[in-house]
Amino acid sequence: MESLDKLRFYELTLQERGEYLRQETGLTESEIDALTGLSGLTPAAADKMVENAVGVYALPIGIAQNFIVNGRKVWVPMAIEEPSVIAGASYMARLARSGGGFFASTDEPYMIGQMQILDIADPANARVKLLEHGAELLSEAAKIDPILSELGGGPRELDVRLIENSPIGPFLVLHIVLDVRDAMGANAINTACERLAPQVEAITGGRVHLKILSNLADRRLARARVSIPVNELAFDEFSGEQVRDGIIEAWAFATADPYRAATHNKGIMNGVDAVVIATGNDWRAVEAGAHAYAARGGTYTSLSTWSKGADGELDGWLEMPLAVGTIGGATRVHPGAKAAIKLMGVQTARDLAEIIVSVGLAQNLAALRALATEGIQRGHMTLHARQVAAAAGAEGGLIDAIANRLVQEKNVRIDRAKEILKELKN
């Protein structure tokens, strides 16, 4: 097959894209079929995953191209229904190559489990007792999952917080921190909390109520940075300096205003969630952690930072909690998720998180660049028009013909698409 540059991946047929990926990545034919939807999660398998199953629900999955993460080329699978996200991330990744791509890092895979301790006569004294028994509790927690300990994980720290003002009065919260290795970690954390609860009650004389992990995984942060030479940002009538400064001004809006920050961070999560979903991870947990982290200073603000570098380049930075795994849960039983992880060539959960946070930064850049220059609708509506044409009943070549008309008329509406379809058929 010809080189990808000559073929233009997006212009290939579905079958040709699958075959190209098979040749480029080493995925087997069955793994490609699982990724592309020709095979994959069956209703019978779904019946073992959730209660009252009636079948499976599919999302489009596409491949973001051009990503270089820590010096390595990565094909990125993204499961998402929204137009322009994959194209935007791919284009920003191409611009990022001029600065070496994305450079990402992650913390150790530490997750926090919480125990709410109620009915304590003297919370301050009970807190001291728990801290005094900290080594004992950690030692007991290490016995709960010996396999995790063999892999280098297990309990790491213990902390006790006093909540002095709440609707039910003061109470204690015990935090146990576990290294969960390549798992997302919810099961390990929840099991540890439940097993330790009787011992905690004996020490404090109180009652352990809630026993569950926290999705504010601020001990498990992922971060990515990118630097793009200013000349790479120029396009059409916009100079590189205009684009750079416009992006920084748009970012400043998000830092100062929570109404804008919510949409700004949603753009980041467009990229993040798409990869999280494609790999069978818990996107609700990632969303919850990200937005809680964005409000950690008391005001909801931007997760990313954009600035002008010493040589005039555009520098970007994104840091957020990212609790994802490569083992356990849907990643173990969903054929498409397993194929997606293999496609990216990741070996550990930290590898996966570094790719995901890089995609989030790329997607953030794509949205800011569009907003600061030509407007968000130009590229988005061009792709959205194809969806509208298909929804109007168009098939085959009529989809693009109708979509082009809708964009030219700047009237991307389903009623207009139906009128054009009727006209073309007649």
Protein backbone atom coordinates (compact mmCIF):
# COMPACT_ATOMS: atom_id res chain seq x y z
CA MET A 1 0.00 0.00 0.00
CA GLU A 2 1.18 3.52 -0.78
CA SER A 3 2.48 5.83 1.92
CA LEU A 4 -0.07 7.39 4.24
CA ASP A 5 0.88 10.91 3.15
CA LYS A 6 -0.04 10.11 -0.44
CA LEU A 7 -3.22 8.25 0.41
CA ARG A 8 -4.68 10.70 2.93
CA PHE A 9 -6.02 8.38 5.58
CA TYR A 10 -9.39 10.14 5.82
CA GLU A 11 -10.02 9.57 2.11
CA LEU A 12 -9.63 5.79 2.34
CA THR A 13 -12.63 3.52 2.56
CA LEU A 14 -13.49 1.94 5.90
CA GLN A 15 -12.03 -1.36 4.73
CA GLU A 16 -8.83 0.29 3.48
CA ARG A 17 -8.32 2.11 6.78
CA GLY A 18 -8.64 -1.15 8.70
CA GLU A 19 -6.18 -2.88 6.40
CA TYR A 20 -3.72 0.00 6.64
CA LEU A 21 -3.85 -0.08 10.43
CA ARG A 22 -3.29 -3.84 10.40
CA GLN A 23 -0.16 -3.41 8.30
CA GLU A 24 1.15 -0.45 10.29
CA THR A 25 0.50 -1.65 13.83
CA GLY A 26 0.74 -5.42 13.80
CA LEU A 27 -2.81 -5.93 15.04
CA THR A 28 -4.31 -9.22 13.92
CA GLU A 29 -7.27 -9.34 11.58
CA SER A 30 -9.58 -10.31 14.46
CA GLU A 31 -8.27 -7.40 16.56
CA ILE A 32 -8.89 -4.98 13.69
CA ASP A 33 -12.41 -6.40 13.35
CA ALA A 34 -12.97 -5.84 17.08
CA LEU A 35 -11.74 -2.25 16.77
CA THR A 36 -13.76 -1.45 13.65
CA GLY A 37 -16.97 -3.06 14.85
CA LEU A 38 -17.07 -5.97 12.40
CA SER A 39 -16.84 -8.12 15.50
CA GLY A 40 -16.39 -7.23 19.13
CA LEU A 41 -18.68 -7.01 22.13
CA THR A 42 -21.58 -9.40 21.69
CA PRO A 43 -24.97 -9.23 23.42
CA ALA A 44 -24.06 -12.44 25.25
CA ALA A 45 -20.89 -10.83 26.62
CA ALA A 46 -22.79 -7.64 27.48
CA ASP A 47 -25.23 -9.75 29.50
CA LYS A 48 -22.34 -10.66 31.80
CA MET A 49 -21.23 -7.02 32.18
CA VAL A 50 -24.45 -5.25 33.21
CA GLU A 51 -27.80 -6.20 34.63
CA ASN A 52 -30.96 -6.38 32.50
CA ALA A 53 -28.89 -6.32 29.32
CA VAL A 54 -30.81 -6.20 26.06
CA GLY A 55 -27.93 -5.71 23.63
CA VAL A 56 -25.04 -3.40 22.85
CA TYR A 57 -24.83 0.27 21.86
CA ALA A 58 -22.22 1.49 19.40
CA LEU A 59 -20.41 4.80 19.00
CA PRO A 60 -18.31 5.85 16.00
CA ILE A 61 -14.63 5.17 16.55
CA GLY A 62 -11.99 7.01 14.59
CA ILE A 63 -8.22 7.31 14.60
CA ALA A 64 -6.44 10.52 15.55
CA GLN A 65 -3.24 10.80 13.54
CA ASN A 66 0.08 12.63 13.82
CA PHE A 67 0.56 12.18 17.56
CA ILE A 68 4.09 12.04 18.91
CA VAL A 69 4.07 11.45 22.67
CA ASN A 70 7.42 11.36 24.46
CA GLY A 71 9.16 10.77 21.15
CA ARG A 72 6.95 7.87 20.08
CA LYS A 73 4.42 7.82 17.23
CA VAL A 74 0.97 6.84 18.45
CA TRP A 75 -2.21 5.90 16.61
CA VAL A 76 -5.00 7.13 18.91
CA PRO A 77 -8.46 5.50 18.86
CA MET A 78 -11.27 7.89 19.80
CA ALA A 79 -14.89 6.86 20.39
CA ILE A 80 -17.12 9.91 20.00
CA GLU A 81 -20.26 11.05 18.18
CA GLU A 82 -19.33 14.73 17.84
CA PRO A 83 -17.97 15.92 14.49
CA SER A 84 -14.64 17.77 14.17
CA VAL A 85 -13.06 16.43 17.37
CA ILE A 86 -10.87 13.78 15.75
CA ALA A 87 -9.94 16.06 12.86
CA GLY A 88 -9.11 18.91 15.24
CA ALA A 89 -6.93 16.77 17.49
CA SER A 90 -5.13 15.29 14.49
CA TYR A 91 -4.37 18.68 12.99
CA MET A 92 -3.06 20.10 16.26
CA ALA A 93 -0.91 17.01 16.71
CA ARG A 94 0.61 17.71 13.29
CA LEU A 95 1.42 21.28 14.31
CA ALA A 96 2.92 19.99 17.56
CA ARG A 97 5.42 17.84 15.66
CA SER A 98 7.40 20.95 14.77
CA GLY A 99 8.17 21.35 18.47
CA GLY A 100 8.86 17.69 19.11
CA GLY A 101 5.29 16.63 19.82
CA PHE A 102 3.81 16.23 23.28
CA PHE A 103 5.84 15.59 26.40
CA ALA A 104 3.86 13.89 29.13
CA SER A 105 4.38 12.46 32.59
CA THR A 106 2.29 10.91 35.33
CA ASP A 107 2.42 10.40 39.06
CA GLU A 108 2.55 6.95 40.59
CA PRO A 109 -0.86 5.23 40.31
CA TYR A 110 -2.03 6.15 43.79
CA MET A 111 -5.75 6.06 44.54
CA ILE A 112 -7.52 7.27 47.69
CA GLY A 113 -10.05 5.30 49.67
CA GLN A 114 -12.28 7.08 52.17
CA MET A 115 -13.97 5.93 55.38
CA GLN A 116 -16.52 8.19 57.05
CA ILE A 117 -16.40 7.66 60.83
CA LEU A 118 -19.43 8.83 62.81
CA ASP A 119 -20.72 8.72 66.40
CA ILE A 120 -17.39 9.68 68.00
CA ALA A 121 -17.50 11.41 71.37
CA ASP A 122 -14.07 13.02 70.98
CA PRO A 123 -13.13 13.28 67.25
CA ALA A 124 -9.78 14.97 67.87
CA ASN A 125 -8.63 12.23 70.24
CA ALA A 126 -9.93 9.52 67.89
CA ARG A 127 -7.94 11.06 65.06
CA VAL A 128 -4.73 10.81 67.09
CA LYS A 129 -5.46 7.17 67.90
CA LEU A 130 -5.92 6.31 64.22
CA LEU A 131 -2.64 7.95 63.32
CA GLU A 132 -0.91 6.04 66.11
CA HIS A 133 -2.27 2.79 64.63
CA GLY A 134 -1.42 3.85 61.07
CA ALA A 135 1.38 1.29 60.53
CA GLU A 136 -0.85 -1.46 61.87
CA LEU A 137 -3.69 -0.53 59.50
CA LEU A 138 -1.36 -0.32 56.50
CA SER A 139 0.11 -3.71 57.38
CA GLU A 140 -3.36 -5.23 57.50
CA ALA A 141 -4.28 -3.60 54.19
CA ALA A 142 -1.21 -5.18 52.55
CA LYS A 143 -2.62 -8.64 53.32
CA ILE A 144 -5.86 -8.00 51.45
CA ASP A 145 -4.47 -8.27 47.91
CA PRO A 146 -1.19 -10.21 47.89
CA ILE A 147 -1.06 -10.23 44.08
CA LEU A 148 -1.11 -6.43 44.03
CA SER A 149 1.76 -6.42 46.54
CA GLU A 150 3.72 -8.91 44.39
CA LEU A 151 3.36 -6.51 41.45
CA GLY A 152 4.87 -3.69 43.50
CA GLY A 153 1.60 -2.07 44.56
CA GLY A 154 -0.31 -1.96 47.81
CA PRO A 155 -0.91 0.50 50.67
CA ARG A 156 1.32 3.55 50.81
CA GLU A 157 -0.07 6.14 53.21
CA LEU A 158 -2.79 6.82 55.73
CA ASP A 159 -4.24 10.16 56.73
CA VAL A 160 -7.12 11.25 58.93
CA ARG A 161 -9.11 14.44 58.38
CA LEU A 162 -11.45 16.10 60.85
CA ILE A 163 -14.56 17.56 59.22
CA GLU A 164 -15.61 20.13 61.79
CA ASN A 165 -18.59 21.71 60.05
CA SER A 166 -21.16 19.57 58.26
CA PRO A 167 -24.97 19.30 58.26
CA ILE A 168 -24.66 16.40 60.74
CA GLY A 169 -21.91 17.86 62.88
CA PRO A 170 -18.23 16.89 63.11
CA PHE A 171 -16.89 13.54 61.96
CA LEU A 172 -13.65 11.92 60.84
CA VAL A 173 -12.58 10.83 57.38
CA LEU A 174 -9.82 8.27 57.07
CA HIS A 175 -7.88 8.28 53.80
CA ILE A 176 -5.96 5.20 52.79
CA VAL A 177 -3.71 5.56 49.75
CA LEU A 178 -3.04 2.50 47.60
CA ASP A 179 -0.69 2.01 44.68
CA VAL A 180 -2.98 0.15 42.25
CA ARG A 181 -0.39 -0.39 39.50
CA ASP A 182 -2.06 -0.87 36.08
CA ALA A 183 -5.63 -1.02 37.34
CA MET A 184 -8.05 1.85 37.63
CA GLY A 185 -8.20 0.72 41.24
CA ALA A 186 -11.82 1.06 42.35
CA ASN A 187 -12.23 -2.58 43.36
CA ALA A 188 -8.94 -2.72 45.26
CA ILE A 189 -9.70 0.49 47.13
CA ASN A 190 -13.28 -0.42 48.01
CA THR A 191 -12.26 -3.88 49.20
CA ALA A 192 -9.53 -2.44 51.43
CA CYS A 193 -11.91 0.09 52.99
CA GLU A 194 -14.53 -2.54 53.76
CA ARG A 195 -12.01 -4.96 55.24
CA LEU A 196 -10.43 -2.33 57.48
CA ALA A 197 -13.71 -0.88 58.76
CA PRO A 198 -14.11 -3.16 61.83
CA GLN A 199 -10.54 -2.44 62.93
CA VAL A 200 -11.10 1.30 62.51
CA GLU A 201 -14.28 1.08 64.59
CA ALA A 202 -12.44 -0.78 67.34
CA ILE A 203 -9.74 1.89 67.48
CA THR A 204 -12.07 4.89 67.48
CA GLY A 205 -15.15 3.55 69.22
CA GLY A 206 -17.12 5.11 66.37
CA ARG A 207 -19.17 3.82 63.45
CA VAL A 208 -17.72 3.55 59.95
CA HIS A 209 -20.44 4.60 57.54
CA LEU A 210 -19.33 5.17 53.92
CA LYS A 211 -16.43 3.07 52.65
CA ILE A 212 -15.48 3.99 49.06
CA LEU A 213 -12.83 5.39 46.77
CA SER A 214 -12.58 9.07 45.88
CA ASN A 215 -12.75 10.04 42.23
CA LEU A 216 -10.76 13.17 43.02
CA ALA A 217 -7.58 11.26 42.20
CA ASP A 218 -5.26 14.16 42.94
CA ARG A 219 -2.50 11.74 43.90
CA ARG A 220 -2.62 10.33 40.37
CA LEU A 221 -2.09 13.35 38.13
CA ALA A 222 -1.19 13.29 34.46
CA ARG A 223 0.36 16.26 32.70
CA ALA A 224 1.32 17.15 29.15
CA ARG A 225 3.13 20.09 27.60
CA VAL A 226 3.55 21.27 24.04
CA SER A 227 5.51 24.07 22.36
CA ILE A 228 4.65 25.25 18.86
CA PRO A 229 6.86 27.68 16.89
CA VAL A 230 4.89 30.80 16.08
CA ASN A 231 5.37 30.46 12.31
CA GLU A 232 3.55 27.10 12.40
CA LEU A 233 0.42 28.79 13.69
CA ALA A 234 -0.13 31.08 10.69
CA PHE A 235 -2.91 30.23 8.25
CA ASP A 236 -5.08 32.07 5.72
CA GLU A 237 -5.07 35.76 6.65
CA PHE A 238 -4.00 35.12 10.24
CA SER A 239 -0.37 35.62 11.22
CA GLY A 240 1.27 33.29 13.70
CA GLU A 241 1.43 36.08 16.27
CA GLN A 242 -2.28 36.78 15.88
CA VAL A 243 -3.17 33.14 16.39
CA ARG A 244 -0.85 32.76 19.39
CA ASP A 245 -2.07 35.88 21.12
CA GLY A 246 -5.70 35.04 20.33
CA ILE A 247 -5.30 31.63 21.94
CA ILE A 248 -3.75 33.13 25.07
CA GLU A 249 -6.54 35.72 25.29
CA ALA A 250 -9.18 33.01 24.93
CA TRP A 251 -7.50 30.95 27.66
CA ALA A 252 -7.42 33.99 29.95
CA PHE A 253 -11.21 34.22 29.64
CA ALA A 254 -11.51 30.64 30.93
CA THR A 255 -9.22 31.27 33.89
CA ALA A 256 -11.31 34.23 35.04
CA ASP A 257 -14.88 33.12 34.36
CA PRO A 258 -16.42 29.77 35.42
CA TYR A 259 -19.11 30.04 32.74
CA ARG A 260 -16.42 30.06 30.08
CA ALA A 261 -14.23 27.59 31.99
CA ALA A 262 -16.98 24.97 31.89
CA THR A 263 -17.06 25.03 28.08
CA HIS A 264 -13.28 25.36 27.85
CA ASN A 265 -12.78 22.24 29.96
CA LYS A 266 -15.53 20.43 28.09
CA GLY A 267 -13.39 20.87 24.99
CA ILE A 268 -10.48 19.22 26.79
CA MET A 269 -12.74 16.36 27.83
CA ASN A 270 -13.90 15.90 24.23
CA GLY A 271 -10.44 14.51 23.57
CA VAL A 272 -9.92 12.82 26.93
CA ASP A 273 -13.27 11.03 27.11
CA ALA A 274 -13.06 9.75 23.55
CA VAL A 275 -9.88 7.79 24.31
CA VAL A 276 -11.10 6.75 27.76
CA ILE A 277 -14.27 5.29 26.23
CA ALA A 278 -12.38 3.60 23.38
CA THR A 279 -10.19 1.79 25.91
CA GLY A 280 -13.08 0.62 28.11
CA ASN A 281 -12.23 2.89 31.01
CA ASP A 282 -14.60 4.76 33.33
CA TRP A 283 -15.13 8.13 31.69
CA ARG A 284 -17.57 9.25 34.41
CA ALA A 285 -14.85 8.84 37.03
CA VAL A 286 -12.38 10.77 34.90
CA GLU A 287 -14.90 13.56 34.30
CA ALA A 288 -15.72 13.84 38.01
CA GLY A 289 -12.05 14.01 38.98
CA ALA A 290 -11.22 16.57 36.30
CA HIS A 291 -13.97 19.02 37.22
CA ALA A 292 -13.36 18.66 40.95
CA TYR A 293 -9.67 19.36 40.34
CA ALA A 294 -10.58 22.43 38.27
CA ALA A 295 -12.37 23.82 41.34
CA ARG A 296 -9.72 22.88 43.91
CA GLY A 297 -8.86 26.56 44.58
CA GLY A 298 -12.44 27.41 45.49
CA THR A 299 -13.37 28.75 42.04
CA TYR A 300 -13.94 26.65 38.93
CA THR A 301 -11.27 27.50 36.37
CA SER A 302 -9.29 26.27 33.37
CA LEU A 303 -7.47 22.94 33.58
CA SER A 304 -4.96 24.09 30.96
CA THR A 305 -2.47 26.96 30.72
CA TRP A 306 -1.30 28.77 27.57
CA SER A 307 1.51 31.32 27.36
CA LYS A 308 4.08 32.97 25.11
CA GLY A 309 7.49 31.33 25.24
CA ALA A 310 10.88 33.00 25.41
CA ASP A 311 11.30 32.81 21.61
CA GLY A 312 7.72 33.77 20.82
CA GLU A 313 6.41 30.22 20.58
CA LEU A 314 3.07 29.10 21.97
CA ASP A 315 3.47 26.98 25.09
CA GLY A 316 0.67 24.82 26.44
CA TRP A 317 0.31 22.82 29.64
CA LEU A 318 -2.41 20.54 30.95
CA GLU A 319 -2.54 18.82 34.34
CA MET A 320 -5.46 16.76 35.62
CA PRO A 321 -6.31 13.62 37.61
CA LEU A 322 -6.42 10.63 35.29
CA ALA A 323 -7.36 7.30 36.85
CA VAL A 324 -7.30 4.80 33.99
CA GLY A 325 -6.25 1.19 33.76
CA THR A 326 -5.06 -1.35 31.24
CA ILE A 327 -6.30 -4.36 33.20
CA GLY A 328 -9.59 -5.22 34.85
CA GLY A 329 -13.13 -4.08 34.15
CA ALA A 330 -14.25 -3.59 30.57
CA THR A 331 -10.62 -3.44 29.41
CA ARG A 332 -10.41 -7.16 30.17
CA VAL A 333 -13.66 -8.33 28.54
CA HIS A 334 -14.37 -5.87 25.72
CA PRO A 335 -12.54 -7.00 22.54
CA GLY A 336 -12.60 -3.51 21.07
CA ALA A 337 -11.08 -2.00 24.21
CA LYS A 338 -8.29 -4.57 24.23
CA ALA A 339 -7.57 -3.88 20.55
CA ALA A 340 -7.55 -0.10 21.20
CA ILE A 341 -4.96 -0.48 23.95
CA LYS A 342 -2.80 -2.69 21.77
CA LEU A 343 -3.13 -0.25 18.85
CA MET A 344 -1.52 2.48 20.95
CA GLY A 345 1.32 0.21 22.03
CA VAL A 346 0.88 1.01 25.71
CA GLN A 347 2.42 -1.27 28.30
CA THR A 348 1.19 0.34 31.51
CA ALA A 349 -1.65 2.47 32.82
CA ARG A 350 0.77 5.37 33.08
CA ASP A 351 1.60 5.05 29.36
CA LEU A 352 -2.10 5.23 28.60
CA ALA A 353 -2.66 8.27 30.82
CA GLU A 354 0.21 10.12 29.13
CA ILE A 355 -1.40 9.62 25.72
CA ILE A 356 -4.84 10.62 26.97
CA VAL A 357 -3.69 13.86 28.60
CA SER A 358 -1.80 14.74 25.40
CA VAL A 359 -4.97 14.27 23.35
CA GLY A 360 -6.83 16.50 25.81
CA LEU A 361 -4.27 19.25 25.33
CA ALA A 362 -4.40 18.88 21.54
CA GLN A 363 -8.18 19.12 21.51
CA ASN A 364 -8.07 22.17 23.76
CA LEU A 365 -5.70 23.83 21.32
CA ALA A 366 -7.96 22.98 18.38
CA ALA A 367 -10.97 24.60 20.04
CA LEU A 368 -9.08 27.71 21.17
CA ARG A 369 -7.50 28.19 17.74
CA ALA A 370 -10.89 28.00 16.04
CA LEU A 371 -12.56 30.32 18.54
CA ALA A 372 -9.75 32.86 18.36
CA THR A 373 -9.68 33.00 14.56
CA GLU A 374 -12.33 31.78 12.13
CA GLY A 375 -14.97 30.85 14.71
CA ILE A 376 -15.95 27.44 16.00
CA GLN A 377 -18.68 26.82 13.46
CA ARG A 378 -16.73 26.77 10.20
CA GLY A 379 -15.00 23.45 10.60
CA HIS A 380 -17.59 21.99 12.94
CA MET A 381 -20.56 22.72 10.69
CA THR A 382 -18.83 21.33 7.61
CA LEU A 383 -18.64 17.95 9.31
CA HIS A 384 -21.99 18.33 11.04
CA ALA A 385 -23.63 18.91 7.66
CA ARG A 386 -22.84 15.32 6.66
CA GLN A 387 -24.71 14.06 9.71
CA VAL A 388 -27.68 16.26 8.88
CA ALA A 389 -27.71 15.04 5.27
CA ALA A 390 -27.68 11.42 6.41
CA ALA A 391 -30.43 12.11 8.95
CA ALA A 392 -32.52 13.58 6.13
CA GLY A 393 -32.35 10.25 4.31
CA ALA A 394 -29.45 10.81 1.92
CA GLU A 395 -27.22 7.89 1.02
CA GLY A 396 -23.94 7.38 -0.82
CA GLY A 397 -22.69 10.31 -2.86
CA LEU A 398 -25.80 12.34 -2.10
CA ILE A 399 -24.59 12.86 1.47
CA ASP A 400 -21.57 14.91 0.43
CA ALA A 401 -23.50 16.70 -2.32
CA ILE A 402 -26.18 17.83 0.13
CA ALA A 403 -23.66 18.64 2.84
CA ASN A 404 -21.72 20.89 0.47
CA ARG A 405 -24.91 22.77 -0.46
CA LEU A 406 -25.86 23.23 3.20
CA VAL A 407 -22.44 24.66 4.04
CA GLN A 408 -22.41 26.97 1.00
CA GLU A 409 -25.84 28.30 1.96
CA LYS A 410 -24.79 28.53 5.63
CA ASN A 411 -28.06 26.83 6.46
CA VAL A 412 -27.31 23.46 8.04
CA ARG A 413 -30.85 22.39 8.86
CA ILE A 414 -32.59 19.07 8.36
CA ASP A 415 -35.62 20.62 6.67
CA ARG A 416 -33.35 22.26 4.11
CA ALA A 417 -31.45 19.00 3.65
CA LYS A 418 -34.73 17.23 2.86
CA GLU A 419 -35.59 19.90 0.29
CA ILE A 420 -32.22 19.50 -1.44
CA LEU A 421 -32.51 15.70 -1.34
CA LYS A 422 -35.93 15.86 -3.01
CA GLU A 423 -34.57 18.28 -5.61
CA LEU A 424 -31.58 16.07 -6.44
CA LYS A 425 -33.66 12.91 -6.66
CA ASN A 426 -36.07 14.60 -9.06
